[in-house]
Amino acid sequence: MLFAALRSVLFIVWMAITVVPVAIAAILLSIFVRGRAVYWTCVFWLRLSIWGARFICGVRHRVQGMEHLPSADSGEAVILLSKHQSTWETFAYPTLMSHPLAYVFKRELLYIPFFGWAMSRMDMIHIDRSKRSEAWSKVAAQGKRLAAQGIWVIMFPEGTRIARGKKGDYKTGGTRLAVETGVPVVPIACATASCWPRKSFLLRPGVIELSIGKPIPSVGREPGELMREVEAWIEAEMRRLDPAAYAAQEA
């Protein structure tokens, strides 16, 4: 445990040191250009973080279902709806996918020095959770614009990080956006809490399992019905990826 704690501290130091120059570069670059150049500059830091998690803390990953995503040059938009257990997947997804992503996230993250400042220079959707109707209007308007540009919007239906082996309340914001835009949804299951639990900076060595499902058409669907299908797939897949986390509940 002590060794894991020391490695985790080293990893946090690694992220803190590397974020400063990359964030400054992204902010300066954004003065002259916008869009993908700034995005991929920020993704470079995320790659450094995922690299650090692997080589400092022993956190590796294995992905299934990448073939279910549209090709990078297709111009096809999708809405990614993912299980959310830790910080790891929020860092990893942009590094795993060859297409720019637009996160829907709480605006408080923009206030984090360097990290948040760089995020503010990217074309993403930051919302005030205390103003739900206003937040949804912003998600709908910006989500439609991004989908029209072929950008992949990513949302966490449970709204927050969920403890290992648990299930949160799946909210229909992502499927509402999908139905309104006619864009398919792609469910993602990720068993990340086994290596990086929520509300913890202690990383444990191991292999993180991710599974990307087939796109589910949204045309002609009801948001609630569509989300129930997404939820059923994700939760069933979570039990396959991390059976030990659910064994006690199902005994």
C-alpha atoms as a PDB file:
ATOM      1  CA  MET A   1       0.000   0.000   0.000  1.00  0.00           C
ATOM      2  CA  LEU A   2       2.825   2.394   0.876  1.00  0.00           C
ATOM      3  CA  PHE A   3       4.538   1.730  -2.460  1.00  0.00           C
ATOM      4  CA  ALA A   4       1.266   2.349  -4.321  1.00  0.00           C
ATOM      5  CA  ALA A   5       0.790   5.600  -2.400  1.00  0.00           C
ATOM      6  CA  LEU A   6       4.288   6.785  -3.273  1.00  0.00           C
ATOM      7  CA  ARG A   7       3.776   5.952  -6.930  1.00  0.00           C
ATOM      8  CA  SER A   8       0.434   7.769  -6.897  1.00  0.00           C
ATOM      9  CA  VAL A   9       2.058  10.878  -5.427  1.00  0.00           C
ATOM     10  CA  LEU A  10       4.716  10.726  -8.140  1.00  0.00           C
ATOM     11  CA  PHE A  11       1.974  10.441 -10.748  1.00  0.00           C
ATOM     12  CA  ILE A  12       0.167  13.522  -9.408  1.00  0.00           C
ATOM     13  CA  VAL A  13       3.456  15.444  -9.475  1.00  0.00           C
ATOM     14  CA  TRP A  14       3.985  14.252 -13.065  1.00  0.00           C
ATOM     15  CA  MET A  15       0.582  15.599 -14.102  1.00  0.00           C
ATOM     16  CA  ALA A  16       1.114  18.905 -12.296  1.00  0.00           C
ATOM     17  CA  ILE A  17       4.506  19.467 -13.908  1.00  0.00           C
ATOM     18  CA  THR A  18       3.452  18.540 -17.429  1.00  0.00           C
ATOM     19  CA  VAL A  19       0.136  20.393 -17.487  1.00  0.00           C
ATOM     20  CA  VAL A  20       1.706  23.830 -17.115  1.00  0.00           C
ATOM     21  CA  PRO A  21       3.726  24.037 -20.362  1.00  0.00           C
ATOM     22  CA  VAL A  22       1.077  22.233 -22.416  1.00  0.00           C
ATOM     23  CA  ALA A  23      -1.725  24.462 -21.103  1.00  0.00           C
ATOM     24  CA  ILE A  24       0.302  27.594 -21.799  1.00  0.00           C
ATOM     25  CA  ALA A  25       1.016  26.348 -25.328  1.00  0.00           C
ATOM     26  CA  ALA A  26      -2.701  25.646 -25.910  1.00  0.00           C
ATOM     27  CA  ILE A  27      -3.751  29.059 -24.602  1.00  0.00           C
ATOM     28  CA  LEU A  28      -1.164  30.885 -26.723  1.00  0.00           C
ATOM     29  CA  LEU A  29      -2.071  28.813 -29.776  1.00  0.00           C
ATOM     30  CA  SER A  30      -5.749  29.648 -29.303  1.00  0.00           C
ATOM     31  CA  ILE A  31      -4.960  33.342 -29.797  1.00  0.00           C
ATOM     32  CA  PHE A  32      -4.040  32.656 -33.393  1.00  0.00           C
ATOM     33  CA  VAL A  33      -6.058  29.571 -34.329  1.00  0.00           C
ATOM     34  CA  ARG A  34      -9.132  27.766 -33.028  1.00  0.00           C
ATOM     35  CA  GLY A  35     -10.529  24.291 -33.323  1.00  0.00           C
ATOM     36  CA  ARG A  36      -8.613  21.099 -33.811  1.00  0.00           C
ATOM     37  CA  ALA A  37      -5.070  22.430 -33.355  1.00  0.00           C
ATOM     38  CA  VAL A  38      -5.904  23.543 -29.816  1.00  0.00           C
ATOM     39  CA  TYR A  39      -7.810  20.327 -29.151  1.00  0.00           C
ATOM     40  CA  TRP A  40      -4.951  18.027 -30.156  1.00  0.00           C
ATOM     41  CA  THR A  41      -2.483  20.135 -28.165  1.00  0.00           C
ATOM     42  CA  CYS A  42      -4.563  19.493 -25.062  1.00  0.00           C
ATOM     43  CA  VAL A  43      -4.872  15.810 -25.953  1.00  0.00           C
ATOM     44  CA  PHE A  44      -1.079  15.638 -25.944  1.00  0.00           C
ATOM     45  CA  TRP A  45      -1.156  16.344 -22.193  1.00  0.00           C
ATOM     46  CA  LEU A  46      -3.834  13.685 -21.700  1.00  0.00           C
ATOM     47  CA  ARG A  47      -1.535  11.209 -23.466  1.00  0.00           C
ATOM     48  CA  LEU A  48       1.238  12.170 -21.051  1.00  0.00           C
ATOM     49  CA  SER A  49      -1.138  11.533 -18.144  1.00  0.00           C
ATOM     50  CA  ILE A  50      -2.263   8.122 -19.415  1.00  0.00           C
ATOM     51  CA  TRP A  51       1.381   7.280 -20.110  1.00  0.00           C
ATOM     52  CA  GLY A  52       2.242   8.320 -16.540  1.00  0.00           C
ATOM     53  CA  ALA A  53      -0.545   6.189 -15.088  1.00  0.00           C
ATOM     54  CA  ARG A  54       0.835   3.198 -16.967  1.00  0.00           C
ATOM     55  CA  PHE A  55       4.555   3.541 -16.383  1.00  0.00           C
ATOM     56  CA  ILE A  56       4.472   5.104 -12.920  1.00  0.00           C
ATOM     57  CA  CYS A  57       1.468   3.322 -11.397  1.00  0.00           C
ATOM     58  CA  GLY A  58       1.132   0.207 -13.544  1.00  0.00           C
ATOM     59  CA  VAL A  59      -2.342   1.062 -14.866  1.00  0.00           C
ATOM     60  CA  ARG A  60      -2.796  -0.501 -18.302  1.00  0.00           C
ATOM     61  CA  HIS A  61      -5.916  -0.799 -20.421  1.00  0.00           C
ATOM     62  CA  ARG A  62      -7.588  -3.059 -22.950  1.00  0.00           C
ATOM     63  CA  VAL A  63     -10.304  -1.838 -25.343  1.00  0.00           C
ATOM     64  CA  GLN A  64     -12.926  -3.887 -27.168  1.00  0.00           C
ATOM     65  CA  GLY A  65     -15.265  -2.628 -29.871  1.00  0.00           C
ATOM     66  CA  MET A  66     -13.263   0.178 -31.490  1.00  0.00           C
ATOM     67  CA  GLU A  67     -14.572  -1.088 -34.821  1.00  0.00           C
ATOM     68  CA  HIS A  68     -18.058   0.081 -33.804  1.00  0.00           C
ATOM     69  CA  LEU A  69     -17.034   3.732 -34.063  1.00  0.00           C
ATOM     70  CA  PRO A  70     -17.337   5.646 -37.350  1.00  0.00           C
ATOM     71  CA  SER A  71     -14.076   6.147 -39.224  1.00  0.00           C
ATOM     72  CA  ALA A  72     -12.287   9.418 -38.539  1.00  0.00           C
ATOM     73  CA  ASP A  73     -12.821  10.672 -42.089  1.00  0.00           C
ATOM     74  CA  SER A  74     -16.501   9.719 -42.384  1.00  0.00           C
ATOM     75  CA  GLY A  75     -17.816  12.985 -40.945  1.00  0.00           C
ATOM     76  CA  GLU A  76     -20.487  11.017 -39.103  1.00  0.00           C
ATOM     77  CA  ALA A  77     -21.476  12.315 -35.682  1.00  0.00           C
ATOM     78  CA  VAL A  78     -22.320  10.102 -32.715  1.00  0.00           C
ATOM     79  CA  ILE A  79     -23.180  10.706 -29.078  1.00  0.00           C
ATOM     80  CA  LEU A  80     -21.048   8.637 -26.722  1.00  0.00           C
ATOM     81  CA  LEU A  81     -22.787   7.605 -23.491  1.00  0.00           C
ATOM     82  CA  SER A  82     -20.368   6.141 -20.991  1.00  0.00           C
ATOM     83  CA  LYS A  83     -20.275   4.574 -17.576  1.00  0.00           C
ATOM     84  CA  HIS A  84     -18.386   6.893 -15.217  1.00  0.00           C
ATOM     85  CA  GLN A  85     -16.281   5.477 -12.382  1.00  0.00           C
ATOM     86  CA  SER A  86     -13.122   7.581 -12.215  1.00  0.00           C
ATOM     87  CA  THR A  87     -11.019  10.359 -13.678  1.00  0.00           C
ATOM     88  CA  TRP A  88      -9.161   7.879 -15.876  1.00  0.00           C
ATOM     89  CA  GLU A  89     -11.807   7.508 -18.582  1.00  0.00           C
ATOM     90  CA  THR A  90     -12.286  11.264 -18.928  1.00  0.00           C
ATOM     91  CA  PHE A  91      -8.576  11.542 -19.690  1.00  0.00           C
ATOM     92  CA  ALA A  92      -8.362   8.405 -21.810  1.00  0.00           C
ATOM     93  CA  TYR A  93     -11.221   8.753 -24.286  1.00  0.00           C
ATOM     94  CA  PRO A  94      -9.713  11.631 -26.307  1.00  0.00           C
ATOM     95  CA  THR A  95      -6.425   9.706 -26.509  1.00  0.00           C
ATOM     96  CA  LEU A  96      -8.119   6.533 -27.724  1.00  0.00           C
ATOM     97  CA  MET A  97     -10.271   8.072 -30.435  1.00  0.00           C
ATOM     98  CA  SER A  98      -9.034   9.567 -33.671  1.00  0.00           C
ATOM     99  CA  HIS A  99     -11.913  12.020 -33.794  1.00  0.00           C
ATOM    100  CA  PRO A 100     -12.372  15.192 -31.680  1.00  0.00           C
ATOM    101  CA  LEU A 101     -14.741  14.871 -28.732  1.00  0.00           C
ATOM    102  CA  ALA A 102     -16.853  17.528 -27.053  1.00  0.00           C
ATOM    103  CA  TYR A 103     -17.517  16.861 -23.382  1.00  0.00           C
ATOM    104  CA  VAL A 104     -20.542  18.106 -21.476  1.00  0.00           C
ATOM    105  CA  PHE A 105     -19.130  19.090 -18.088  1.00  0.00           C
ATOM    106  CA  LYS A 106     -19.753  21.314 -15.062  1.00  0.00           C
ATOM    107  CA  ARG A 107     -18.347  24.797 -15.518  1.00  0.00           C
ATOM    108  CA  GLU A 108     -16.516  24.702 -12.159  1.00  0.00           C
ATOM    109  CA  LEU A 109     -13.767  22.718 -13.885  1.00  0.00           C
ATOM    110  CA  LEU A 110     -12.845  25.830 -15.852  1.00  0.00           C
ATOM    111  CA  TYR A 111     -11.532  27.432 -12.672  1.00  0.00           C
ATOM    112  CA  ILE A 112      -8.787  24.831 -12.139  1.00  0.00           C
ATOM    113  CA  PRO A 113      -5.456  26.561 -12.872  1.00  0.00           C
ATOM    114  CA  PHE A 114      -3.924  25.674 -16.235  1.00  0.00           C
ATOM    115  CA  PHE A 115      -6.095  22.541 -16.726  1.00  0.00           C
ATOM    116  CA  GLY A 116      -9.368  24.475 -16.703  1.00  0.00           C
ATOM    117  CA  TRP A 117      -7.924  27.456 -18.515  1.00  0.00           C
ATOM    118  CA  ALA A 118      -6.882  25.232 -21.406  1.00  0.00           C
ATOM    119  CA  MET A 119     -10.295  23.523 -21.420  1.00  0.00           C
ATOM    120  CA  SER A 120     -11.957  26.907 -21.808  1.00  0.00           C
ATOM    121  CA  ARG A 121     -10.173  27.360 -25.147  1.00  0.00           C
ATOM    122  CA  MET A 122     -11.765  24.237 -26.641  1.00  0.00           C
ATOM    123  CA  ASP A 123     -15.199  23.969 -28.228  1.00  0.00           C
ATOM    124  CA  MET A 124     -16.982  22.015 -25.500  1.00  0.00           C
ATOM    125  CA  ILE A 125     -20.199  22.373 -23.510  1.00  0.00           C
ATOM    126  CA  HIS A 126     -19.795  23.625 -19.951  1.00  0.00           C
ATOM    127  CA  ILE A 127     -22.975  24.003 -17.920  1.00  0.00           C
ATOM    128  CA  ASP A 128     -24.220  25.369 -14.611  1.00  0.00           C
ATOM    129  CA  ARG A 129     -25.830  22.361 -12.931  1.00  0.00           C
ATOM    130  CA  SER A 130     -27.785  24.599 -10.538  1.00  0.00           C
ATOM    131  CA  LYS A 131     -29.791  25.954 -13.498  1.00  0.00           C
ATOM    132  CA  ARG A 132     -31.198  22.814 -15.051  1.00  0.00           C
ATOM    133  CA  SER A 133     -33.497  24.288 -17.687  1.00  0.00           C
ATOM    134  CA  GLU A 134     -30.827  26.740 -18.801  1.00  0.00           C
ATOM    135  CA  ALA A 135     -28.241  23.945 -18.808  1.00  0.00           C
ATOM    136  CA  TRP A 136     -30.388  21.745 -21.042  1.00  0.00           C
ATOM    137  CA  SER A 137     -31.021  24.622 -23.461  1.00  0.00           C
ATOM    138  CA  LYS A 138     -27.279  25.097 -23.765  1.00  0.00           C
ATOM    139  CA  VAL A 139     -26.646  21.379 -24.273  1.00  0.00           C
ATOM    140  CA  ALA A 140     -29.373  21.204 -26.926  1.00  0.00           C
ATOM    141  CA  ALA A 141     -28.206  24.278 -28.850  1.00  0.00           C
ATOM    142  CA  GLN A 142     -24.496  23.533 -28.755  1.00  0.00           C
ATOM    143  CA  GLY A 143     -25.014  19.796 -29.192  1.00  0.00           C
ATOM    144  CA  LYS A 144     -26.952  20.364 -32.414  1.00  0.00           C
ATOM    145  CA  ARG A 145     -24.264  22.697 -33.721  1.00  0.00           C
ATOM    146  CA  LEU A 146     -21.471  20.261 -32.895  1.00  0.00           C
ATOM    147  CA  ALA A 147     -23.355  17.297 -34.366  1.00  0.00           C
ATOM    148  CA  ALA A 148     -23.854  19.251 -37.586  1.00  0.00           C
ATOM    149  CA  GLN A 149     -20.071  19.660 -37.719  1.00  0.00           C
ATOM    150  CA  GLY A 150     -19.543  15.924 -37.218  1.00  0.00           C
ATOM    151  CA  ILE A 151     -18.141  16.388 -33.701  1.00  0.00           C
ATOM    152  CA  TRP A 152     -18.695  13.510 -31.272  1.00  0.00           C
ATOM    153  CA  VAL A 153     -20.446  14.656 -28.102  1.00  0.00           C
ATOM    154  CA  ILE A 154     -19.697  12.599 -24.992  1.00  0.00           C
ATOM    155  CA  MET A 155     -21.843  12.482 -21.876  1.00  0.00           C
ATOM    156  CA  PHE A 156     -21.985  10.462 -18.667  1.00  0.00           C
ATOM    157  CA  PRO A 157     -25.667   9.561 -18.141  1.00  0.00           C
ATOM    158  CA  GLU A 158     -25.222   8.902 -14.420  1.00  0.00           C
ATOM    159  CA  GLY A 159     -23.982  12.469 -14.030  1.00  0.00           C
ATOM    160  CA  THR A 160     -21.174  11.728 -11.602  1.00  0.00           C
ATOM    161  CA  ARG A 161     -18.589   9.083 -10.775  1.00  0.00           C
ATOM    162  CA  ILE A 162     -20.169   5.890  -9.455  1.00  0.00           C
ATOM    163  CA  ALA A 163     -18.564   3.486  -6.985  1.00  0.00           C
ATOM    164  CA  ARG A 164     -17.344   0.137  -8.274  1.00  0.00           C
ATOM    165  CA  GLY A 165     -20.170  -2.380  -8.585  1.00  0.00           C
ATOM    166  CA  LYS A 166     -22.876   0.274  -8.198  1.00  0.00           C
ATOM    167  CA  LYS A 167     -25.363   1.858 -10.573  1.00  0.00           C
ATOM    168  CA  GLY A 168     -26.458   5.470 -10.629  1.00  0.00           C
ATOM    169  CA  ASP A 169     -29.603   7.080 -11.988  1.00  0.00           C
ATOM    170  CA  TYR A 170     -29.358   7.189 -15.776  1.00  0.00           C
ATOM    171  CA  LYS A 171     -30.620  10.585 -16.931  1.00  0.00           C
ATOM    172  CA  THR A 172     -32.014  11.094 -20.419  1.00  0.00           C
ATOM    173  CA  GLY A 173     -30.093  14.227 -21.459  1.00  0.00           C
ATOM    174  CA  GLY A 174     -27.880  12.313 -23.867  1.00  0.00           C
ATOM    175  CA  THR A 175     -30.707  10.425 -25.526  1.00  0.00           C
ATOM    176  CA  ARG A 176     -32.853  13.578 -25.707  1.00  0.00           C
ATOM    177  CA  LEU A 177     -30.044  15.226 -27.642  1.00  0.00           C
ATOM    178  CA  ALA A 178     -29.694  12.161 -29.850  1.00  0.00           C
ATOM    179  CA  VAL A 179     -33.405  12.072 -30.674  1.00  0.00           C
ATOM    180  CA  GLU A 180     -33.495  15.794 -31.435  1.00  0.00           C
ATOM    181  CA  THR A 181     -30.474  15.599 -33.743  1.00  0.00           C
ATOM    182  CA  GLY A 182     -31.131  12.152 -35.230  1.00  0.00           C
ATOM    183  CA  VAL A 183     -27.606  11.117 -34.267  1.00  0.00           C
ATOM    184  CA  PRO A 184     -26.975   7.522 -33.092  1.00  0.00           C
ATOM    185  CA  VAL A 185     -25.759   6.817 -29.573  1.00  0.00           C
ATOM    186  CA  VAL A 186     -22.811   4.600 -28.719  1.00  0.00           C
ATOM    187  CA  PRO A 187     -22.806   3.013 -25.230  1.00  0.00           C
ATOM    188  CA  ILE A 188     -19.486   2.492 -23.454  1.00  0.00           C
ATOM    189  CA  ALA A 189     -18.765   0.353 -20.407  1.00  0.00           C
ATOM    190  CA  CYS A 190     -15.559   0.997 -18.479  1.00  0.00           C
ATOM    191  CA  ALA A 191     -14.361  -0.841 -15.381  1.00  0.00           C
ATOM    192  CA  THR A 192     -11.942   1.858 -14.237  1.00  0.00           C
ATOM    193  CA  ALA A 193     -12.647   1.923 -10.497  1.00  0.00           C
ATOM    194  CA  SER A 194     -10.653  -1.265  -9.961  1.00  0.00           C
ATOM    195  CA  CYS A 195      -7.491   0.768 -10.653  1.00  0.00           C
ATOM    196  CA  TRP A 196      -8.533   4.348  -9.891  1.00  0.00           C
ATOM    197  CA  PRO A 197     -11.515   4.563  -7.493  1.00  0.00           C
ATOM    198  CA  ARG A 198     -13.656   7.673  -7.382  1.00  0.00           C
ATOM    199  CA  LYS A 199     -12.716  10.372  -4.856  1.00  0.00           C
ATOM    200  CA  SER A 200      -9.249   8.889  -4.539  1.00  0.00           C
ATOM    201  CA  PHE A 201      -5.781   9.753  -5.780  1.00  0.00           C
ATOM    202  CA  LEU A 202      -4.497   6.258  -5.009  1.00  0.00           C
ATOM    203  CA  LEU A 203      -3.944   4.332  -8.227  1.00  0.00           C
ATOM    204  CA  ARG A 204      -3.611   0.559  -8.132  1.00  0.00           C
ATOM    205  CA  PRO A 205      -1.771  -1.444 -10.805  1.00  0.00           C
ATOM    206  CA  GLY A 206      -3.919  -3.549 -13.080  1.00  0.00           C
ATOM    207  CA  VAL A 207      -5.720  -3.694 -16.408  1.00  0.00           C
ATOM    208  CA  ILE A 208      -8.686  -1.409 -17.067  1.00  0.00           C
ATOM    209  CA  GLU A 209     -11.280  -3.017 -19.323  1.00  0.00           C
ATOM    210  CA  LEU A 210     -13.306  -0.889 -21.740  1.00  0.00           C
ATOM    211  CA  SER A 211     -16.014  -2.031 -24.124  1.00  0.00           C
ATOM    212  CA  ILE A 212     -17.591   0.058 -26.887  1.00  0.00           C
ATOM    213  CA  GLY A 213     -21.024  -1.042 -28.050  1.00  0.00           C
ATOM    214  CA  LYS A 214     -22.594  -0.880 -31.480  1.00  0.00           C
ATOM    215  CA  PRO A 215     -24.271   2.417 -32.470  1.00  0.00           C
ATOM    216  CA  ILE A 216     -27.963   2.519 -31.605  1.00  0.00           C
ATOM    217  CA  PRO A 217     -30.156   4.557 -33.996  1.00  0.00           C
ATOM    218  CA  SER A 218     -32.146   7.350 -32.357  1.00  0.00           C
ATOM    219  CA  VAL A 219     -34.564   8.225 -35.156  1.00  0.00           C
ATOM    220  CA  GLY A 220     -38.151   7.491 -34.171  1.00  0.00           C
ATOM    221  CA  ARG A 221     -37.213   6.626 -30.582  1.00  0.00           C
ATOM    222  CA  GLU A 222     -38.343   8.067 -27.262  1.00  0.00           C
ATOM    223  CA  PRO A 223     -35.495   9.394 -25.045  1.00  0.00           C
ATOM    224  CA  GLY A 224     -36.567   7.347 -22.026  1.00  0.00           C
ATOM    225  CA  GLU A 225     -36.899   4.129 -23.985  1.00  0.00           C
ATOM    226  CA  LEU A 226     -33.580   4.700 -25.716  1.00  0.00           C
ATOM    227  CA  MET A 227     -31.804   5.400 -22.434  1.00  0.00           C
ATOM    228  CA  ARG A 228     -33.208   2.228 -20.908  1.00  0.00           C
ATOM    229  CA  GLU A 229     -31.636   0.277 -23.773  1.00  0.00           C
ATOM    230  CA  VAL A 230     -28.328   2.074 -23.246  1.00  0.00           C
ATOM    231  CA  GLU A 231     -28.486   1.447 -19.492  1.00  0.00           C
ATOM    232  CA  ALA A 232     -29.281  -2.253 -19.950  1.00  0.00           C
ATOM    233  CA  TRP A 233     -26.341  -2.738 -22.304  1.00  0.00           C
ATOM    234  CA  ILE A 234     -23.848  -0.835 -20.137  1.00  0.00           C
ATOM    235  CA  GLU A 235     -24.837  -2.523 -16.872  1.00  0.00           C
ATOM    236  CA  ALA A 236     -24.805  -5.993 -18.417  1.00  0.00           C
ATOM    237  CA  GLU A 237     -21.420  -5.294 -19.960  1.00  0.00           C
ATOM    238  CA  MET A 238     -20.062  -3.990 -16.650  1.00  0.00           C
ATOM    239  CA  ARG A 239     -20.902  -7.324 -15.055  1.00  0.00           C
ATOM    240  CA  ARG A 240     -19.010  -9.090 -17.814  1.00  0.00           C
ATOM    241  CA  LEU A 241     -15.969  -6.814 -17.576  1.00  0.00           C
ATOM    242  CA  ASP A 242     -15.744  -6.725 -13.775  1.00  0.00           C
ATOM    243  CA  PRO A 243     -17.637  -9.738 -12.390  1.00  0.00           C
ATOM    244  CA  ALA A 244     -15.880  -9.578  -9.000  1.00  0.00           C
ATOM    245  CA  ALA A 245     -17.432  -6.178  -8.310  1.00  0.00           C
ATOM    246  CA  TYR A 246     -20.954  -7.565  -8.673  1.00  0.00           C
ATOM    247  CA  ALA A 247     -20.472 -11.064  -7.255  1.00  0.00           C
ATOM    248  CA  ALA A 248     -21.467 -10.132  -3.706  1.00  0.00           C
ATOM    249  CA  GLN A 249     -24.660  -8.419  -4.851  1.00  0.00           C
ATOM    250  CA  GLU A 250     -25.762 -11.345  -6.984  1.00  0.00           C
ATOM    251  CA  ALA A 251     -24.869 -14.110  -4.516  1.00  0.00           C
END
